[in-house]
Amino acid sequence: MEHEFWKYVDCLVENSRLVIDRPKGSTHFRCNNLIYPLDYVFYKEIASGDGGKVEVWIGSLREKKIYELV
């Protein structure tokens, strides 16, 4: 069952449009000494449970996939 969930999430990610909210190298809007090391983005078509944006970091790999950090 868990395997099917991750396949669904990968499919959702591969077929969704990402909007760069804070580009790599930009500073945080409240804390100028915090510099984003990677692009900070949100999914245009996906909303969170509270109706807000689902935000993610984009890594350096070409492949658009979700990776579970263990």
PDB file of N, CA and C in Angstrom:
ATOM      1  N   MET A   1       0.817  -1.193   0.000  1.00  0.00           N
ATOM      2  CA  MET A   1       0.000   0.000   0.000  1.00  0.00           C
ATOM      3  C   MET A   1       0.865   1.263   0.000  1.00  0.00           C
ATOM      4  N   GLU A   2       1.922   1.264   0.834  1.00  0.00           N
ATOM      5  CA  GLU A   2       2.801   2.424   0.904  1.00  0.00           C
ATOM      6  C   GLU A   2       3.494   2.661  -0.441  1.00  0.00           C
ATOM      7  N   HIS A   3       3.893   1.578  -1.106  1.00  0.00           N
ATOM      8  CA  HIS A   3       4.540   1.679  -2.421  1.00  0.00           C
ATOM      9  C   HIS A   3       3.612   2.381  -3.420  1.00  0.00           C
ATOM     10  N   GLU A   4       2.341   2.042  -3.409  1.00  0.00           N
ATOM     11  CA  GLU A   4       1.363   2.664  -4.309  1.00  0.00           C
ATOM     12  C   GLU A   4       1.229   4.162  -4.021  1.00  0.00           C
ATOM     13  N   PHE A   5       1.267   4.518  -2.746  1.00  0.00           N
ATOM     14  CA  PHE A   5       1.181   5.933  -2.376  1.00  0.00           C
ATOM     15  C   PHE A   5       2.324   6.722  -2.998  1.00  0.00           C
ATOM     16  N   TRP A   6       3.561   6.224  -2.875  1.00  0.00           N
ATOM     17  CA  TRP A   6       4.722   6.935  -3.411  1.00  0.00           C
ATOM     18  C   TRP A   6       4.688   6.988  -4.931  1.00  0.00           C
ATOM     19  N   LYS A   7       4.165   5.949  -5.578  1.00  0.00           N
ATOM     20  CA  LYS A   7       4.001   6.003  -7.036  1.00  0.00           C
ATOM     21  C   LYS A   7       3.029   7.113  -7.413  1.00  0.00           C
ATOM     22  N   TYR A   8       1.951   7.255  -6.678  1.00  0.00           N
ATOM     23  CA  TYR A   8       0.966   8.311  -6.933  1.00  0.00           C
ATOM     24  C   TYR A   8       1.592   9.692  -6.723  1.00  0.00           C
ATOM     25  N   VAL A   9       2.359   9.844  -5.657  1.00  0.00           N
ATOM     26  CA  VAL A   9       3.012  11.124  -5.380  1.00  0.00           C
ATOM     27  C   VAL A   9       3.999  11.466  -6.489  1.00  0.00           C
ATOM     28  N   ASP A  10       4.799  10.497  -6.930  1.00  0.00           N
ATOM     29  CA  ASP A  10       5.739  10.738  -8.037  1.00  0.00           C
ATOM     30  C   ASP A  10       4.999  11.180  -9.299  1.00  0.00           C
ATOM     31  N   CYS A  11       3.882  10.544  -9.611  1.00  0.00           N
ATOM     32  CA  CYS A  11       3.083  10.910 -10.784  1.00  0.00           C
ATOM     33  C   CYS A  11       2.551  12.337 -10.654  1.00  0.00           C
ATOM     34  N   LEU A  12       2.086  12.687  -9.480  1.00  0.00           N
ATOM     35  CA  LEU A  12       1.575  14.033  -9.234  1.00  0.00           C
ATOM     36  C   LEU A  12       2.673  15.076  -9.430  1.00  0.00           C
ATOM     37  N   VAL A  13       3.843  14.795  -8.903  1.00  0.00           N
ATOM     38  CA  VAL A  13       4.975  15.720  -9.023  1.00  0.00           C
ATOM     39  C   VAL A  13       5.413  15.868 -10.478  1.00  0.00           C
ATOM     40  N   GLU A  14       5.502  14.761 -11.206  1.00  0.00           N
ATOM     41  CA  GLU A  14       5.952  14.792 -12.595  1.00  0.00           C
ATOM     42  C   GLU A  14       5.003  15.578 -13.496  1.00  0.00           C
ATOM     43  N   ASN A  15       3.736  15.636 -13.125  1.00  0.00           N
ATOM     44  CA  ASN A  15       2.733  16.275 -13.981  1.00  0.00           C
ATOM     45  C   ASN A  15       2.221  17.605 -13.457  1.00  0.00           C
ATOM     46  N   SER A  16       2.876  18.168 -12.462  1.00  0.00           N
ATOM     47  CA  SER A  16       2.457  19.453 -11.893  1.00  0.00           C
ATOM     48  C   SER A  16       3.439  20.547 -12.270  1.00  0.00           C
ATOM     49  N   ARG A  17       2.913  21.759 -12.353  1.00  0.00           N
ATOM     50  CA  ARG A  17       3.781  22.897 -12.664  1.00  0.00           C
ATOM     51  C   ARG A  17       4.313  23.507 -11.366  1.00  0.00           C
ATOM     52  N   LEU A  18       5.609  23.789 -11.370  1.00  0.00           N
ATOM     53  CA  LEU A  18       6.263  24.404 -10.228  1.00  0.00           C
ATOM     54  C   LEU A  18       6.453  25.894 -10.487  1.00  0.00           C
ATOM     55  N   VAL A  19       6.244  26.708  -9.468  1.00  0.00           N
ATOM     56  CA  VAL A  19       6.456  28.145  -9.557  1.00  0.00           C
ATOM     57  C   VAL A  19       7.570  28.499  -8.578  1.00  0.00           C
ATOM     58  N   ILE A  20       8.639  29.109  -9.081  1.00  0.00           N
ATOM     59  CA  ILE A  20       9.747  29.496  -8.206  1.00  0.00           C
ATOM     60  C   ILE A  20       9.313  30.711  -7.403  1.00  0.00           C
ATOM     61  N   ASP A  21       9.234  30.518  -6.091  1.00  0.00           N
ATOM     62  CA  ASP A  21       8.815  31.571  -5.170  1.00  0.00           C
ATOM     63  C   ASP A  21      10.016  32.372  -4.684  1.00  0.00           C
ATOM     64  N   ARG A  22      11.086  31.648  -4.337  1.00  0.00           N
ATOM     65  CA  ARG A  22      12.317  32.279  -3.868  1.00  0.00           C
ATOM     66  C   ARG A  22      13.496  31.588  -4.543  1.00  0.00           C
ATOM     67  N   PRO A  23      14.127  32.271  -5.483  1.00  0.00           N
ATOM     68  CA  PRO A  23      15.224  31.642  -6.234  1.00  0.00           C
ATOM     69  C   PRO A  23      16.464  31.372  -5.382  1.00  0.00           C
ATOM     70  N   LYS A  24      17.215  30.375  -5.801  1.00  0.00           N
ATOM     71  CA  LYS A  24      18.497  30.060  -5.176  1.00  0.00           C
ATOM     72  C   LYS A  24      19.342  31.327  -5.114  1.00  0.00           C
ATOM     73  N   GLY A  25      19.936  31.599  -3.950  1.00  0.00           N
ATOM     74  CA  GLY A  25      20.797  32.769  -3.784  1.00  0.00           C
ATOM     75  C   GLY A  25      20.071  34.006  -3.278  1.00  0.00           C
ATOM     76  N   SER A  26      18.727  33.981  -3.259  1.00  0.00           N
ATOM     77  CA  SER A  26      17.983  35.151  -2.760  1.00  0.00           C
ATOM     78  C   SER A  26      17.937  35.101  -1.231  1.00  0.00           C
ATOM     79  N   THR A  27      17.617  36.238  -0.623  1.00  0.00           N
ATOM     80  CA  THR A  27      17.549  36.309   0.833  1.00  0.00           C
ATOM     81  C   THR A  27      16.100  36.201   1.308  1.00  0.00           C
ATOM     82  N   HIS A  28      15.945  35.733   2.530  1.00  0.00           N
ATOM     83  CA  HIS A  28      14.630  35.596   3.150  1.00  0.00           C
ATOM     84  C   HIS A  28      14.038  36.990   3.348  1.00  0.00           C
ATOM     85  N   PHE A  29      12.725  37.122   3.188  1.00  0.00           N
ATOM     86  CA  PHE A  29      12.091  38.440   3.257  1.00  0.00           C
ATOM     87  C   PHE A  29      12.108  39.046   4.657  1.00  0.00           C
ATOM     88  N   ARG A  30      12.250  38.249   5.702  1.00  0.00           N
ATOM     89  CA  ARG A  30      12.300  38.775   7.071  1.00  0.00           C
ATOM     90  C   ARG A  30      13.697  38.737   7.683  1.00  0.00           C
ATOM     91  N   CYS A  31      14.515  37.855   7.184  1.00  0.00           N
ATOM     92  CA  CYS A  31      15.834  37.639   7.776  1.00  0.00           C
ATOM     93  C   CYS A  31      16.888  37.722   6.669  1.00  0.00           C
ATOM     94  N   ASN A  32      17.480  38.908   6.505  1.00  0.00           N
ATOM     95  CA  ASN A  32      18.398  39.155   5.389  1.00  0.00           C
ATOM     96  C   ASN A  32      19.650  38.285   5.395  1.00  0.00           C
ATOM     97  N   ASN A  33      20.021  37.736   6.552  1.00  0.00           N
ATOM     98  CA  ASN A  33      21.231  36.905   6.571  1.00  0.00           C
ATOM     99  C   ASN A  33      20.945  35.452   6.209  1.00  0.00           C
ATOM    100  N   LEU A  34      19.671  35.098   5.945  1.00  0.00           N
ATOM    101  CA  LEU A  34      19.316  33.755   5.493  1.00  0.00           C
ATOM    102  C   LEU A  34      19.243  33.751   3.974  1.00  0.00           C
ATOM    103  N   ILE A  35      20.136  33.002   3.357  1.00  0.00           N
ATOM    104  CA  ILE A  35      20.195  32.915   1.898  1.00  0.00           C
ATOM    105  C   ILE A  35      19.739  31.519   1.477  1.00  0.00           C
ATOM    106  N   TYR A  36      18.805  31.463   0.545  1.00  0.00           N
ATOM    107  CA  TYR A  36      18.278  30.182   0.084  1.00  0.00           C
ATOM    108  C   TYR A  36      19.326  29.449  -0.746  1.00  0.00           C
ATOM    109  N   PRO A  37      19.724  28.225  -0.322  1.00  0.00           N
ATOM    110  CA  PRO A  37      20.750  27.477  -1.043  1.00  0.00           C
ATOM    111  C   PRO A  37      20.204  26.764  -2.282  1.00  0.00           C
ATOM    112  N   LEU A  38      18.875  26.607  -2.366  1.00  0.00           N
ATOM    113  CA  LEU A  38      18.223  25.946  -3.486  1.00  0.00           C
ATOM    114  C   LEU A  38      16.971  26.736  -3.857  1.00  0.00           C
ATOM    115  N   ASP A  39      16.429  26.492  -5.043  1.00  0.00           N
ATOM    116  CA  ASP A  39      15.175  27.133  -5.415  1.00  0.00           C
ATOM    117  C   ASP A  39      14.059  26.652  -4.487  1.00  0.00           C
ATOM    118  N   TYR A  40      13.283  27.593  -3.965  1.00  0.00           N
ATOM    119  CA  TYR A  40      12.152  27.307  -3.098  1.00  0.00           C
ATOM    120  C   TYR A  40      10.914  27.537  -3.942  1.00  0.00           C
ATOM    121  N   VAL A  41      10.104  26.518  -4.120  1.00  0.00           N
ATOM    122  CA  VAL A  41       9.001  26.586  -5.083  1.00  0.00           C
ATOM    123  C   VAL A  41       7.694  26.109  -4.461  1.00  0.00           C
ATOM    124  N   PHE A  42       6.607  26.339  -5.189  1.00  0.00           N
ATOM    125  CA  PHE A  42       5.337  25.740  -4.790  1.00  0.00           C
ATOM    126  C   PHE A  42       4.684  25.138  -6.015  1.00  0.00           C
ATOM    127  N   TYR A  43       3.798  24.171  -5.756  1.00  0.00           N
ATOM    128  CA  TYR A  43       3.054  23.512  -6.826  1.00  0.00           C
ATOM    129  C   TYR A  43       1.831  24.343  -7.167  1.00  0.00           C
ATOM    130  N   LYS A  44       1.717  24.733  -8.423  1.00  0.00           N
ATOM    131  CA  LYS A  44       0.631  25.607  -8.857  1.00  0.00           C
ATOM    132  C   LYS A  44      -0.740  24.951  -8.703  1.00  0.00           C
ATOM    133  N   GLU A  45      -0.880  23.676  -9.031  1.00  0.00           N
ATOM    134  CA  GLU A  45      -2.180  23.008  -9.044  1.00  0.00           C
ATOM    135  C   GLU A  45      -2.520  22.291  -7.736  1.00  0.00           C
ATOM    136  N   ILE A  46      -1.635  22.296  -6.770  1.00  0.00           N
ATOM    137  CA  ILE A  46      -1.854  21.507  -5.559  1.00  0.00           C
ATOM    138  C   ILE A  46      -1.992  22.441  -4.357  1.00  0.00           C
ATOM    139  N   ALA A  47      -3.039  22.236  -3.571  1.00  0.00           N
ATOM    140  CA  ALA A  47      -3.236  23.018  -2.347  1.00  0.00           C
ATOM    141  C   ALA A  47      -3.062  22.106  -1.136  1.00  0.00           C
ATOM    142  N   SER A  48      -2.628  22.693  -0.039  1.00  0.00           N
ATOM    143  CA  SER A  48      -2.496  21.921   1.193  1.00  0.00           C
ATOM    144  C   SER A  48      -3.858  21.767   1.855  1.00  0.00           C
ATOM    145  N   GLY A  49      -3.913  21.053   2.945  1.00  0.00           N
ATOM    146  CA  GLY A  49      -5.163  20.820   3.648  1.00  0.00           C
ATOM    147  C   GLY A  49      -5.841  22.092   4.127  1.00  0.00           C
ATOM    148  N   ASP A  50      -5.045  23.128   4.404  1.00  0.00           N
ATOM    149  CA  ASP A  50      -5.627  24.398   4.852  1.00  0.00           C
ATOM    150  C   ASP A  50      -5.853  25.379   3.715  1.00  0.00           C
ATOM    151  N   GLY A  51      -5.678  24.906   2.475  1.00  0.00           N
ATOM    152  CA  GLY A  51      -5.904  25.758   1.306  1.00  0.00           C
ATOM    153  C   GLY A  51      -4.692  26.572   0.876  1.00  0.00           C
ATOM    154  N   GLY A  52      -3.588  26.449   1.611  1.00  0.00           N
ATOM    155  CA  GLY A  52      -2.374  27.183   1.262  1.00  0.00           C
ATOM    156  C   GLY A  52      -1.576  26.470   0.179  1.00  0.00           C
ATOM    157  N   LYS A  53      -0.392  27.001  -0.093  1.00  0.00           N
ATOM    158  CA  LYS A  53       0.490  26.413  -1.099  1.00  0.00           C
ATOM    159  C   LYS A  53       1.250  25.224  -0.520  1.00  0.00           C
ATOM    160  N   VAL A  54       1.561  24.265  -1.376  1.00  0.00           N
ATOM    161  CA  VAL A  54       2.458  23.171  -1.005  1.00  0.00           C
ATOM    162  C   VAL A  54       3.828  23.579  -1.520  1.00  0.00           C
ATOM    163  N   GLU A  55       4.727  23.878  -0.583  1.00  0.00           N
ATOM    164  CA  GLU A  55       6.044  24.405  -0.932  1.00  0.00           C
ATOM    165  C   GLU A  55       7.102  23.321  -0.758  1.00  0.00           C
ATOM    166  N   VAL A  56       8.096  23.353  -1.650  1.00  0.00           N
ATOM    167  CA  VAL A  56       9.170  22.361  -1.633  1.00  0.00           C
ATOM    168  C   VAL A  56      10.484  23.011  -2.055  1.00  0.00           C
ATOM    169  N   TRP A  57      11.567  22.329  -1.776  1.00  0.00           N
ATOM    170  CA  TRP A  57      12.877  22.704  -2.291  1.00  0.00           C
ATOM    171  C   TRP A  57      13.119  21.885  -3.549  1.00  0.00           C
ATOM    172  N   ILE A  58      13.766  22.488  -4.529  1.00  0.00           N
ATOM    173  CA  ILE A  58      14.199  21.741  -5.711  1.00  0.00           C
ATOM    174  C   ILE A  58      15.681  21.460  -5.540  1.00  0.00           C
ATOM    175  N   GLY A  59      16.029  20.200  -5.662  1.00  0.00           N
ATOM    176  CA  GLY A  59      17.426  19.800  -5.544  1.00  0.00           C
ATOM    177  C   GLY A  59      18.169  19.959  -6.855  1.00  0.00           C
ATOM    178  N   SER A  60      19.305  19.340  -6.947  1.00  0.00           N
ATOM    179  CA  SER A  60      20.160  19.505  -8.122  1.00  0.00           C
ATOM    180  C   SER A  60      19.970  18.418  -9.174  1.00  0.00           C
ATOM    181  N   LEU A  61      19.146  17.412  -8.904  1.00  0.00           N
ATOM    182  CA  LEU A  61      18.935  16.351  -9.880  1.00  0.00           C
ATOM    183  C   LEU A  61      17.987  16.811 -10.984  1.00  0.00           C
ATOM    184  N   ARG A  62      18.155  16.302 -12.179  1.00  0.00           N
ATOM    185  CA  ARG A  62      17.290  16.669 -13.306  1.00  0.00           C
ATOM    186  C   ARG A  62      15.902  16.056 -13.162  1.00  0.00           C
ATOM    187  N   GLU A  63      15.856  14.905 -12.553  1.00  0.00           N
ATOM    188  CA  GLU A  63      14.624  14.138 -12.410  1.00  0.00           C
ATOM    189  C   GLU A  63      13.707  14.780 -11.354  1.00  0.00           C
ATOM    190  N   LYS A  64      12.431  14.965 -11.710  1.00  0.00           N
ATOM    191  CA  LYS A  64      11.470  15.507 -10.757  1.00  0.00           C
ATOM    192  C   LYS A  64      10.854  14.342  -9.978  1.00  0.00           C
ATOM    193  N   LYS A  65      11.354  14.104  -8.772  1.00  0.00           N
ATOM    194  CA  LYS A  65      10.852  13.014  -7.952  1.00  0.00           C
ATOM    195  C   LYS A  65      10.875  13.427  -6.497  1.00  0.00           C
ATOM    196  N   ILE A  66      10.040  12.769  -5.720  1.00  0.00           N
ATOM    197  CA  ILE A  66      10.046  12.950  -4.266  1.00  0.00           C
ATOM    198  C   ILE A  66      11.011  11.922  -3.697  1.00  0.00           C
ATOM    199  N   TYR A  67      11.880  12.356  -2.806  1.00  0.00           N
ATOM    200  CA  TYR A  67      12.808  11.449  -2.156  1.00  0.00           C
ATOM    201  C   TYR A  67      12.547  11.471  -0.663  1.00  0.00           C
ATOM    202  N   GLU A  68      12.389  10.317  -0.107  1.00  0.00           N
ATOM    203  CA  GLU A  68      12.156  10.198   1.334  1.00  0.00           C
ATOM    204  C   GLU A  68      13.496  10.284   2.038  1.00  0.00           C
ATOM    205  N   LEU A  69      13.592  11.204   2.980  1.00  0.00           N
ATOM    206  CA  LEU A  69      14.823  11.326   3.769  1.00  0.00           C
ATOM    207  C   LEU A  69      14.717  10.402   4.957  1.00  0.00           C
ATOM    208  N   VAL A  70      15.714   9.545   5.100  1.00  0.00           N
ATOM    209  CA  VAL A  70      15.691   8.577   6.190  1.00  0.00           C
ATOM    210  C   VAL A  70      16.792   8.893   7.175  1.00  0.00           C
TER     211      VAL A  70
END
